[in-house]
């Protein structure tokens, strides 16, 4: 009984001293901004280290080195040290991953999930090591965990597919939050958010399109914001066969240059041009190429150009023909043109 009381007394005094020393050291680390990371890493493990050192001193200073259950206490010290080191390693890994992600400028969804997974994996490995110290059949446990993990992965196949597709999407950095994209089904808009499970696209009418990550990464996507935000606008036009094409080209370019130089959102350094494309059924067709600095201005620039060009064509008597069709009536001598 005296040995036990001596053991408890030494343990209590040692624990008090070590916890006091721990508190002083952590306060010094917390006050310094340079050691804030070290403070967060050591905050929890240092408690276990204090307990382990107190137990060790209690055994070392015990009057009876053959104290009952000393082997169990030694195992307990080893377990406490392993758990504390495991916690410290998990925090170090989390800080390292966070630093690397910030260094590479990744735009990630809330990182609590991935950091939680890192901590969980490291702590599970630590717990398995501790169980092996106390003689538990670790191999049976690992086999059980493996079978359970396989069953869970099969049950959550869709969820895991979305999760890893999200990781692939984020790591590729081809699509970022704020990009203007067009989906394979024709929907287009700004990327509102990229989560671990889906991509949220906000259309111009403010409605949201939510696409699961596994479908998104397997789709053909047009990203209008990469590699640059500037966007070329092709405006198709058709004029009558009777007009002078040189005149059409000159007047159209004049209007296009005015739009590029004066309308908000148009690239003022870009020189617009036209390209004749085909002989249509009732018109000669061509396109006018304009350029905007951002996808947001495409509708405004297109609107102003079409309106200004129509006015100029009216003044210059340049005809934009209506569709025409010739109809022949059987056994009729008159040909009607509609």
Protein backbone atom coordinates (compact mmCIF):
# COMPACT_ATOMS: atom_id res chain seq x y z
CA UNK A 1 0.00 0.00 0.00
CA UNK A 2 2.86 2.36 0.82
CA UNK A 3 4.44 1.65 -2.54
CA UNK A 4 1.18 2.43 -4.29
CA UNK A 5 0.72 5.69 -2.35
CA UNK A 6 4.31 6.65 -3.11
CA UNK A 7 3.65 5.94 -6.77
CA UNK A 8 0.48 8.11 -6.79
CA UNK A 9 2.27 10.93 -4.95
CA UNK A 10 5.20 11.00 -7.37
CA UNK A 11 2.84 10.77 -10.33
CA UNK A 12 0.68 13.68 -9.09
CA UNK A 13 3.61 15.95 -8.35
CA UNK A 14 5.31 15.12 -11.65
CA UNK A 15 2.13 15.64 -13.63
CA UNK A 16 1.55 19.01 -11.96
CA UNK A 17 5.11 20.13 -12.76
CA UNK A 18 5.00 18.95 -16.36
CA UNK A 19 1.56 20.46 -17.03
CA UNK A 20 2.70 23.77 -15.52
CA UNK A 21 5.85 23.72 -17.65
CA UNK A 22 3.73 22.83 -20.69
CA UNK A 23 1.39 25.76 -20.03
CA UNK A 24 4.31 28.22 -19.80
CA UNK A 25 5.93 26.95 -23.00
CA UNK A 26 2.65 27.03 -24.95
CA UNK A 27 1.93 30.60 -23.80
CA UNK A 28 5.35 31.69 -25.06
CA UNK A 29 4.77 29.97 -28.39
CA UNK A 30 1.27 31.46 -28.72
CA UNK A 31 2.55 35.01 -28.19
CA UNK A 32 4.98 34.67 -31.08
CA UNK A 33 3.44 34.66 -34.56
CA UNK A 34 6.43 32.75 -35.90
CA UNK A 35 5.66 29.75 -33.67
CA UNK A 36 1.86 29.69 -33.96
CA UNK A 37 1.94 26.54 -36.09
CA UNK A 38 4.18 24.76 -33.57
CA UNK A 39 1.78 25.82 -30.80
CA UNK A 40 -1.19 24.22 -32.59
CA UNK A 41 0.76 21.04 -33.31
CA UNK A 42 1.96 20.58 -29.71
CA UNK A 43 -1.18 21.73 -27.89
CA UNK A 44 -2.85 18.30 -27.56
CA UNK A 45 0.12 15.87 -27.81
CA UNK A 46 1.96 17.73 -25.04
CA UNK A 47 -0.76 16.64 -22.58
CA UNK A 48 -0.06 12.99 -23.37
CA UNK A 49 3.68 13.58 -23.11
CA UNK A 50 3.20 15.06 -19.64
CA UNK A 51 1.22 12.01 -18.54
CA UNK A 52 3.76 9.58 -20.04
CA UNK A 53 6.74 11.33 -18.41
CA UNK A 54 4.92 11.43 -15.06
CA UNK A 55 4.24 7.69 -15.25
CA UNK A 56 7.85 6.98 -16.19
CA UNK A 57 9.21 9.06 -13.27
CA UNK A 58 6.75 7.37 -10.91
CA UNK A 59 8.11 3.97 -11.88
CA UNK A 60 11.75 5.14 -11.87
CA UNK A 61 11.49 6.77 -8.43
CA UNK A 62 9.39 4.01 -6.93
CA UNK A 63 10.79 2.41 -3.82
CA UNK A 64 9.91 -1.03 -5.17
CA UNK A 65 11.06 -1.67 -8.71
CA UNK A 66 8.94 -4.81 -8.76
CA UNK A 67 5.76 -2.90 -8.26
CA UNK A 68 2.69 -4.85 -9.32
CA UNK A 69 1.49 -4.27 -12.89
CA UNK A 70 4.71 -2.44 -13.82
CA UNK A 71 4.71 -4.19 -17.20
CA UNK A 72 1.19 -2.93 -17.86
CA UNK A 73 2.19 0.62 -16.91
CA UNK A 74 5.16 0.45 -19.28
CA UNK A 75 2.82 -0.64 -22.07
CA UNK A 76 0.51 2.20 -21.13
CA UNK A 77 3.40 4.68 -21.38
CA UNK A 78 4.30 3.32 -24.81
CA UNK A 79 0.66 3.57 -25.93
CA UNK A 80 0.38 7.16 -24.71
CA UNK A 81 3.60 8.13 -26.51
CA UNK A 82 2.46 6.47 -29.74
CA UNK A 83 -0.94 8.20 -29.64
CA UNK A 84 0.62 11.57 -28.90
CA UNK A 85 3.17 11.19 -31.70
CA UNK A 86 0.34 10.07 -34.00
CA UNK A 87 -1.64 13.22 -33.21
CA UNK A 88 1.43 15.38 -33.78
CA UNK A 89 2.17 13.68 -37.12
CA UNK A 90 -1.44 14.11 -38.26
CA UNK A 91 -1.30 17.84 -37.51
CA UNK A 92 2.06 18.16 -39.28
CA UNK A 93 0.65 16.42 -42.37
CA UNK A 94 -2.43 18.65 -42.35
CA UNK A 95 -0.27 21.79 -42.12
CA UNK A 96 2.03 20.50 -44.85
CA UNK A 97 -0.85 19.69 -47.21
CA UNK A 98 -2.46 23.06 -46.47
CA UNK A 99 0.85 24.84 -47.18
CA UNK A 100 1.34 22.99 -50.46
CA UNK A 101 -2.22 23.75 -51.58
CA UNK A 102 -1.78 27.44 -50.79
CA UNK A 103 1.59 27.45 -52.52
CA UNK A 104 0.10 26.04 -55.73
CA UNK A 105 -2.87 28.47 -55.54
CA UNK A 106 -5.47 25.69 -55.62
CA UNK A 107 -9.04 26.89 -55.23
CA UNK A 108 -10.49 24.17 -53.08
CA UNK A 109 -13.91 23.56 -51.56
CA UNK A 110 -13.98 23.64 -47.75
CA UNK A 111 -10.88 21.63 -46.81
CA UNK A 112 -12.25 20.26 -43.54
CA UNK A 113 -13.24 17.01 -45.28
CA UNK A 114 -9.85 16.20 -46.76
CA UNK A 115 -8.01 17.29 -43.61
CA UNK A 116 -10.36 15.13 -41.55
CA UNK A 117 -9.55 12.15 -43.78
CA UNK A 118 -5.80 12.71 -43.30
CA UNK A 119 -6.20 12.88 -39.52
CA UNK A 120 -8.44 9.80 -39.48
CA UNK A 121 -6.02 7.66 -41.50
CA UNK A 122 -3.01 8.57 -39.34
CA UNK A 123 -4.91 8.10 -36.06
CA UNK A 124 -6.25 4.70 -37.18
CA UNK A 125 -2.70 3.56 -37.94
CA UNK A 126 -1.65 4.77 -34.49
CA UNK A 127 -4.52 2.93 -32.79
CA UNK A 128 -3.64 -0.29 -34.63
CA UNK A 129 -0.06 0.04 -33.34
CA UNK A 130 -1.31 0.59 -29.80
CA UNK A 131 -3.57 -2.47 -29.99
CA UNK A 132 -0.63 -4.57 -31.15
CA UNK A 133 1.29 -3.51 -28.01
CA UNK A 134 -1.49 -4.85 -25.79
CA UNK A 135 -1.59 -8.15 -27.70
CA UNK A 136 -4.79 -7.71 -29.71
CA UNK A 137 -4.97 -9.72 -32.99
CA UNK A 138 -4.20 -6.81 -35.28
CA UNK A 139 -4.16 -8.86 -38.49
CA UNK A 140 -7.74 -9.96 -37.87
CA UNK A 141 -8.71 -6.35 -37.26
CA UNK A 142 -6.99 -5.17 -40.46
CA UNK A 143 -8.74 -7.92 -42.43
CA UNK A 144 -12.08 -6.91 -40.94
CA UNK A 145 -11.44 -3.25 -41.72
CA UNK A 146 -10.47 -4.17 -45.28
CA UNK A 147 -13.64 -6.15 -45.86
CA UNK A 148 -15.72 -3.42 -44.23
CA UNK A 149 -14.00 -0.76 -46.33
CA UNK A 150 -14.71 -2.75 -49.50
CA UNK A 151 -18.38 -3.10 -48.59
CA UNK A 152 -18.65 0.61 -47.81
CA UNK A 153 -16.89 1.57 -51.06
CA UNK A 154 -19.34 -0.58 -53.04
CA UNK A 155 -22.30 0.94 -51.22
CA UNK A 156 -20.99 4.47 -51.76
CA UNK A 157 -19.72 3.91 -55.29
CA UNK A 158 -21.55 6.90 -56.72
CA UNK A 159 -20.50 9.19 -53.90
CA UNK A 160 -16.85 8.11 -54.10
CA UNK A 161 -16.93 8.51 -57.87
CA UNK A 162 -18.09 12.10 -57.47
CA UNK A 163 -15.53 12.73 -54.74
CA UNK A 164 -12.51 11.51 -56.71
CA UNK A 165 -13.81 13.17 -59.88
CA UNK A 166 -13.92 16.39 -57.86
CA UNK A 167 -10.29 15.87 -56.80
CA UNK A 168 -9.32 15.31 -60.43
CA UNK A 169 -11.26 18.39 -61.52
CA UNK A 170 -9.63 20.59 -58.88
CA UNK A 171 -6.13 19.23 -59.52
CA UNK A 172 -6.39 19.76 -63.30
CA UNK A 173 -7.20 23.48 -62.78
CA UNK A 174 -8.94 23.59 -66.17
CA UNK A 175 -12.15 24.90 -64.60
CA UNK A 176 -12.13 27.48 -61.82
CA UNK A 177 -14.74 29.33 -59.84
CA UNK A 178 -15.93 32.36 -61.84
CA UNK A 179 -15.17 30.87 -65.29
CA UNK A 180 -17.82 31.19 -67.99
CA UNK A 181 -18.47 27.76 -69.51
CA UNK A 182 -20.84 26.00 -71.88
CA UNK A 183 -21.95 22.48 -70.96
CA UNK A 184 -22.39 19.66 -73.42
CA UNK A 185 -26.19 19.88 -73.14
CA UNK A 186 -26.15 23.56 -74.18
CA UNK A 187 -26.48 25.15 -70.74
CA UNK A 188 -23.96 27.90 -70.12
CA UNK A 189 -23.08 30.31 -67.36
CA UNK A 190 -20.57 31.15 -64.65
CA UNK A 191 -19.09 28.50 -62.37
CA UNK A 192 -20.65 29.44 -59.05
CA UNK A 193 -19.01 26.75 -56.95
CA UNK A 194 -16.96 23.54 -57.17
CA UNK A 195 -17.70 21.18 -54.28
CA UNK A 196 -16.47 17.68 -53.55
CA UNK A 197 -19.70 16.28 -55.02
CA UNK A 198 -20.81 18.60 -57.85
CA UNK A 199 -20.23 21.71 -59.94
CA UNK A 200 -22.73 24.55 -59.65
CA UNK A 201 -23.19 26.70 -62.77
CA UNK A 202 -25.14 29.95 -62.57
CA UNK A 203 -26.89 30.76 -65.84
CA UNK A 204 -27.44 34.30 -67.08
CA UNK A 205 -31.08 34.07 -65.93
CA UNK A 206 -29.75 33.45 -62.37
CA UNK A 207 -30.97 29.84 -62.30
CA UNK A 208 -28.52 27.19 -61.09
CA UNK A 209 -27.43 24.10 -63.00
CA UNK A 210 -25.99 21.45 -60.66
CA UNK A 211 -23.83 18.82 -62.37
CA UNK A 212 -22.41 15.77 -60.51
CA UNK A 213 -18.62 15.73 -60.72
CA UNK A 214 -18.38 12.32 -62.41
CA UNK A 215 -20.64 13.51 -65.23
CA UNK A 216 -18.89 16.86 -65.46
CA UNK A 217 -15.38 15.42 -65.94
CA UNK A 218 -16.67 13.06 -68.65
CA UNK A 219 -18.42 15.83 -70.61
CA UNK A 220 -17.19 18.13 -73.34
CA UNK A 221 -16.99 21.60 -71.79
CA UNK A 222 -16.17 24.90 -73.49
CA UNK A 223 -14.39 27.29 -71.12
CA UNK A 224 -14.64 30.86 -72.41
CA UNK A 225 -12.45 32.20 -69.59
CA UNK A 226 -9.31 30.19 -70.36
CA UNK A 227 -6.65 30.65 -71.54
CA UNK A 228 -7.89 34.26 -71.70
CA UNK A 229 -11.08 36.11 -70.89
CA UNK A 230 -11.23 37.90 -74.25
CA UNK A 231 -13.89 36.51 -76.56
CA UNK A 232 -14.35 36.72 -80.32
CA UNK A 233 -17.90 37.29 -81.56
CA UNK A 234 -18.98 36.09 -84.98
CA UNK A 235 -22.02 37.94 -86.33
CA UNK A 236 -23.54 36.24 -89.46
CA UNK A 237 -25.01 38.59 -92.09
CA UNK A 238 -26.41 38.20 -95.60
CA UNK A 239 -26.79 40.86 -98.34
CA UNK A 240 -28.53 40.91 -101.69
CA UNK A 241 -26.76 39.65 -104.82
CA UNK A 242 -27.34 43.03 -106.41
CA UNK A 243 -25.13 45.08 -104.04
CA UNK A 244 -21.45 45.96 -104.48
CA UNK A 245 -19.46 43.71 -102.15
CA UNK A 246 -16.56 46.18 -101.88
CA UNK A 247 -19.01 48.79 -100.64
CA UNK A 248 -20.55 46.28 -98.21
CA UNK A 249 -17.14 45.42 -96.82
CA UNK A 250 -16.07 49.05 -96.41
CA UNK A 251 -19.27 50.20 -94.67
CA UNK A 252 -19.48 47.13 -92.44
CA UNK A 253 -15.89 47.59 -91.26
CA UNK A 254 -16.57 51.29 -90.53
CA UNK A 255 -19.49 50.37 -88.29
CA UNK A 256 -17.57 47.54 -86.63
CA UNK A 257 -14.62 49.83 -85.85
CA UNK A 258 -16.94 52.41 -84.34
CA UNK A 259 -18.43 49.71 -82.08
CA UNK A 260 -14.98 48.44 -81.04
CA UNK A 261 -13.79 51.92 -80.13
CA UNK A 262 -16.88 53.30 -78.39
CA UNK A 263 -18.98 50.56 -76.80
CA UNK A 264 -18.23 49.46 -73.25
CA UNK A 265 -16.66 46.03 -73.06
CA UNK A 266 -15.37 45.98 -76.64
CA UNK A 267 -11.61 45.47 -77.10
CA UNK A 268 -10.48 48.89 -78.29
CA UNK A 269 -7.17 47.53 -79.65
CA UNK A 270 -8.80 44.91 -81.87
CA UNK A 271 -9.29 45.58 -85.60
CA UNK A 272 -12.55 43.93 -86.73
CA UNK A 273 -12.79 42.15 -90.06
CA UNK A 274 -15.29 40.36 -92.29
CA UNK A 275 -15.07 37.12 -94.23
CA UNK A 276 -17.47 36.13 -97.02
CA UNK A 277 -18.53 32.56 -96.45
CA UNK A 278 -21.05 31.33 -99.02
CA UNK A 279 -23.50 31.97 -101.84
CA UNK A 280 -26.85 31.44 -100.18
CA UNK A 281 -30.23 30.72 -101.74
CA UNK A 282 -31.17 34.39 -101.69
CA UNK A 283 -28.13 36.23 -100.28
CA UNK A 284 -24.34 36.38 -100.18
CA UNK A 285 -23.39 35.40 -96.65
CA UNK A 286 -20.49 36.60 -94.52
CA UNK A 287 -19.48 36.96 -90.90
CA UNK A 288 -18.18 39.97 -88.99
CA UNK A 289 -15.62 39.22 -86.28
CA UNK A 290 -15.65 41.45 -83.17
CA UNK A 291 -13.87 41.07 -79.85
CA UNK A 292 -14.91 41.76 -76.26
CA UNK A 293 -12.74 41.87 -73.15
CA UNK A 294 -15.14 39.72 -71.15
CA UNK A 295 -17.97 37.29 -71.83
CA UNK A 296 -20.35 39.58 -69.93
CA UNK A 297 -20.25 42.15 -72.75
CA UNK A 298 -20.95 39.85 -75.70
CA UNK A 299 -24.70 40.50 -75.83
CA UNK A 300 -24.29 44.27 -75.47
CA UNK A 301 -21.65 44.55 -78.21
CA UNK A 302 -23.61 42.29 -80.56
CA UNK A 303 -26.79 44.29 -79.88
CA UNK A 304 -25.17 47.67 -80.55
CA UNK A 305 -23.43 46.43 -83.69
CA UNK A 306 -26.55 44.95 -85.29
CA UNK A 307 -28.57 48.06 -84.53
CA UNK A 308 -25.91 50.45 -85.89
CA UNK A 309 -25.30 48.31 -88.99
CA UNK A 310 -29.01 48.18 -89.86
CA UNK A 311 -29.22 51.99 -89.72
CA UNK A 312 -26.13 52.36 -91.90
CA UNK A 313 -27.36 49.83 -94.46
CA UNK A 314 -30.69 51.69 -94.70
CA UNK A 315 -28.85 54.96 -95.40
CA UNK A 316 -26.57 53.32 -98.00
CA UNK A 317 -29.42 51.34 -99.63
CA UNK A 318 -27.76 48.01 -98.93
CA UNK A 319 -30.45 45.34 -98.94
CA UNK A 320 -30.65 42.52 -96.45
CA UNK A 321 -33.01 40.26 -98.45
CA UNK A 322 -35.97 38.30 -97.15
CA UNK A 323 -36.13 34.59 -97.96
CA UNK A 324 -37.84 34.05 -101.33
CA UNK A 325 -39.25 30.96 -102.94
CA UNK A 326 -40.59 30.41 -106.46
CA UNK A 327 -43.80 28.36 -106.69
CA UNK A 328 -44.87 26.78 -110.00
CA UNK A 329 -48.55 25.86 -110.34
CA UNK A 330 -49.25 22.78 -112.46
CA UNK A 331 -51.13 23.50 -115.71
CA UNK A 332 -50.83 27.20 -115.03
CA UNK A 333 -49.07 29.62 -117.29
CA UNK A 334 -48.41 32.14 -114.54
CA UNK A 335 -45.40 31.81 -112.23
CA UNK A 336 -46.02 33.27 -108.81
CA UNK A 337 -43.14 34.46 -106.64
CA UNK A 338 -43.72 34.67 -102.94
